[in-house]
Amino acid sequence: MMLNQFFNGAATISLLVIAWFFLRFWKRTRDRLFLYFSAAFTILMTERIVRAVMVVDNEWAPYVYLMRLAAFVTIIAAVVDKNRRS
């Protein structure tokens, strides 16, 4: 149990660092792709926090995983947006 919390915390911090990384590139280049990626990793970080804090039983699990779906849809939208602008 304690090791699971440790890994959830490590994953959360890693996702935060990745989101900051893309946000820094967005500030430098003003390319929306980086902003979308930063938002997606922030959503994934929030999903990890919710899963760590809440007891996600069978009833609430689909709602938590909708956050993950939103992050992946954001990444797909970023790629589509980048390809349409090029």
C-alpha atoms as a PDB file:
ATOM      1  CA  MET A   1       0.000   0.000   0.000  1.00  0.00           C
ATOM      2  CA  MET A   2       2.729   2.446   0.931  1.00  0.00           C
ATOM      3  CA  LEU A   3       4.735   1.580  -2.182  1.00  0.00           C
ATOM      4  CA  ASN A   4       1.653   2.187  -4.336  1.00  0.00           C
ATOM      5  CA  GLN A   5       1.292   5.687  -2.854  1.00  0.00           C
ATOM      6  CA  PHE A   6       4.969   6.336  -3.508  1.00  0.00           C
ATOM      7  CA  PHE A   7       4.624   5.373  -7.170  1.00  0.00           C
ATOM      8  CA  ASN A   8       1.462   7.488  -7.529  1.00  0.00           C
ATOM      9  CA  GLY A   9       3.368  10.454  -6.129  1.00  0.00           C
ATOM     10  CA  ALA A  10       6.329   9.834  -8.417  1.00  0.00           C
ATOM     11  CA  ALA A  11       4.055   9.600 -11.455  1.00  0.00           C
ATOM     12  CA  THR A  12       2.241  12.786 -10.428  1.00  0.00           C
ATOM     13  CA  ILE A  13       5.465  14.754 -10.049  1.00  0.00           C
ATOM     14  CA  SER A  14       6.760  13.368 -13.347  1.00  0.00           C
ATOM     15  CA  LEU A  15       3.600  14.463 -15.157  1.00  0.00           C
ATOM     16  CA  LEU A  16       3.888  17.913 -13.568  1.00  0.00           C
ATOM     17  CA  VAL A  17       7.484  18.270 -14.768  1.00  0.00           C
ATOM     18  CA  ILE A  18       6.487  17.182 -18.277  1.00  0.00           C
ATOM     19  CA  ALA A  19       3.617  19.716 -18.296  1.00  0.00           C
ATOM     20  CA  TRP A  20       6.013  22.496 -17.209  1.00  0.00           C
ATOM     21  CA  PHE A  21       8.476  21.385 -19.876  1.00  0.00           C
ATOM     22  CA  PHE A  22       5.899  21.797 -22.646  1.00  0.00           C
ATOM     23  CA  LEU A  23       4.630  25.053 -21.140  1.00  0.00           C
ATOM     24  CA  ARG A  24       8.154  26.452 -21.228  1.00  0.00           C
ATOM     25  CA  PHE A  25       8.463  25.570 -24.915  1.00  0.00           C
ATOM     26  CA  TRP A  26       5.081  27.148 -25.594  1.00  0.00           C
ATOM     27  CA  LYS A  27       6.196  30.390 -23.940  1.00  0.00           C
ATOM     28  CA  ARG A  28       9.325  30.403 -26.083  1.00  0.00           C
ATOM     29  CA  THR A  29       7.769  29.481 -29.441  1.00  0.00           C
ATOM     30  CA  ARG A  30       4.053  30.295 -29.026  1.00  0.00           C
ATOM     31  CA  ASP A  31       3.292  27.050 -30.872  1.00  0.00           C
ATOM     32  CA  ARG A  32      -0.108  25.728 -29.809  1.00  0.00           C
ATOM     33  CA  LEU A  33       1.110  22.127 -30.006  1.00  0.00           C
ATOM     34  CA  PHE A  34       3.129  22.646 -26.830  1.00  0.00           C
ATOM     35  CA  LEU A  35       0.187  24.290 -25.077  1.00  0.00           C
ATOM     36  CA  TYR A  36      -2.068  21.349 -25.953  1.00  0.00           C
ATOM     37  CA  PHE A  37       0.536  18.882 -24.712  1.00  0.00           C
ATOM     38  CA  SER A  38       0.958  20.821 -21.474  1.00  0.00           C
ATOM     39  CA  ALA A  39      -2.805  20.755 -20.935  1.00  0.00           C
ATOM     40  CA  ALA A  40      -2.965  17.025 -21.673  1.00  0.00           C
ATOM     41  CA  PHE A  41      -0.256  16.180 -19.166  1.00  0.00           C
ATOM     42  CA  THR A  42      -1.907  18.434 -16.586  1.00  0.00           C
ATOM     43  CA  ILE A  43      -5.154  16.491 -17.069  1.00  0.00           C
ATOM     44  CA  LEU A  44      -3.248  13.213 -16.669  1.00  0.00           C
ATOM     45  CA  MET A  45      -1.644  14.559 -13.494  1.00  0.00           C
ATOM     46  CA  THR A  46      -5.064  15.513 -12.121  1.00  0.00           C
ATOM     47  CA  GLU A  47      -6.385  12.052 -12.934  1.00  0.00           C
ATOM     48  CA  ARG A  48      -3.515  10.489 -10.968  1.00  0.00           C
ATOM     49  CA  ILE A  49      -4.241  12.737  -7.989  1.00  0.00           C
ATOM     50  CA  VAL A  50      -7.931  11.840  -8.058  1.00  0.00           C
ATOM     51  CA  ARG A  51      -7.128   8.126  -8.243  1.00  0.00           C
ATOM     52  CA  ALA A  52      -4.686   8.430  -5.336  1.00  0.00           C
ATOM     53  CA  VAL A  53      -6.962  10.466  -3.076  1.00  0.00           C
ATOM     54  CA  MET A  54     -10.314   8.860  -3.830  1.00  0.00           C
ATOM     55  CA  VAL A  55     -11.149   5.247  -3.421  1.00  0.00           C
ATOM     56  CA  VAL A  56     -12.093   4.493  -6.998  1.00  0.00           C
ATOM     57  CA  ASP A  57     -14.486   1.598  -6.823  1.00  0.00           C
ATOM     58  CA  ASN A  58     -16.418   0.121  -9.696  1.00  0.00           C
ATOM     59  CA  GLU A  59     -19.099   2.799  -9.584  1.00  0.00           C
ATOM     60  CA  TRP A  60     -16.802   5.829 -10.025  1.00  0.00           C
ATOM     61  CA  ALA A  61     -14.061   4.280 -12.157  1.00  0.00           C
ATOM     62  CA  PRO A  62     -15.554   5.265 -15.546  1.00  0.00           C
ATOM     63  CA  TYR A  63     -15.747   8.923 -14.512  1.00  0.00           C
ATOM     64  CA  VAL A  64     -12.111   8.985 -13.469  1.00  0.00           C
ATOM     65  CA  TYR A  65     -11.046   7.338 -16.700  1.00  0.00           C
ATOM     66  CA  LEU A  66     -12.958   9.970 -18.663  1.00  0.00           C
ATOM     67  CA  MET A  67     -10.222  12.356 -17.533  1.00  0.00           C
ATOM     68  CA  ARG A  68      -7.651  10.103 -19.176  1.00  0.00           C
ATOM     69  CA  LEU A  69      -9.774   9.995 -22.321  1.00  0.00           C
ATOM     70  CA  ALA A  70      -9.921  13.812 -22.313  1.00  0.00           C
ATOM     71  CA  ALA A  71      -6.123  13.960 -22.138  1.00  0.00           C
ATOM     72  CA  PHE A  72      -5.713  11.600 -25.086  1.00  0.00           C
ATOM     73  CA  VAL A  73      -8.315  13.512 -27.095  1.00  0.00           C
ATOM     74  CA  THR A  74      -6.363  16.691 -26.348  1.00  0.00           C
ATOM     75  CA  ILE A  75      -3.187  15.097 -27.718  1.00  0.00           C
ATOM     76  CA  ILE A  76      -5.018  13.958 -30.851  1.00  0.00           C
ATOM     77  CA  ALA A  77      -6.465  17.452 -31.285  1.00  0.00           C
ATOM     78  CA  ALA A  78      -2.965  18.921 -30.942  1.00  0.00           C
ATOM     79  CA  VAL A  79      -1.574  16.688 -33.676  1.00  0.00           C
ATOM     80  CA  VAL A  80      -4.522  17.377 -35.988  1.00  0.00           C
ATOM     81  CA  ASP A  81      -4.231  21.124 -35.345  1.00  0.00           C
ATOM     82  CA  LYS A  82      -0.501  21.075 -36.054  1.00  0.00           C
ATOM     83  CA  ASN A  83      -0.958  19.122 -39.296  1.00  0.00           C
ATOM     84  CA  ARG A  84      -3.716  21.431 -40.519  1.00  0.00           C
ATOM     85  CA  ARG A  85      -1.578  24.532 -39.937  1.00  0.00           C
ATOM     86  CA  SER A  86       1.436  23.104 -41.743  1.00  0.00           C
END
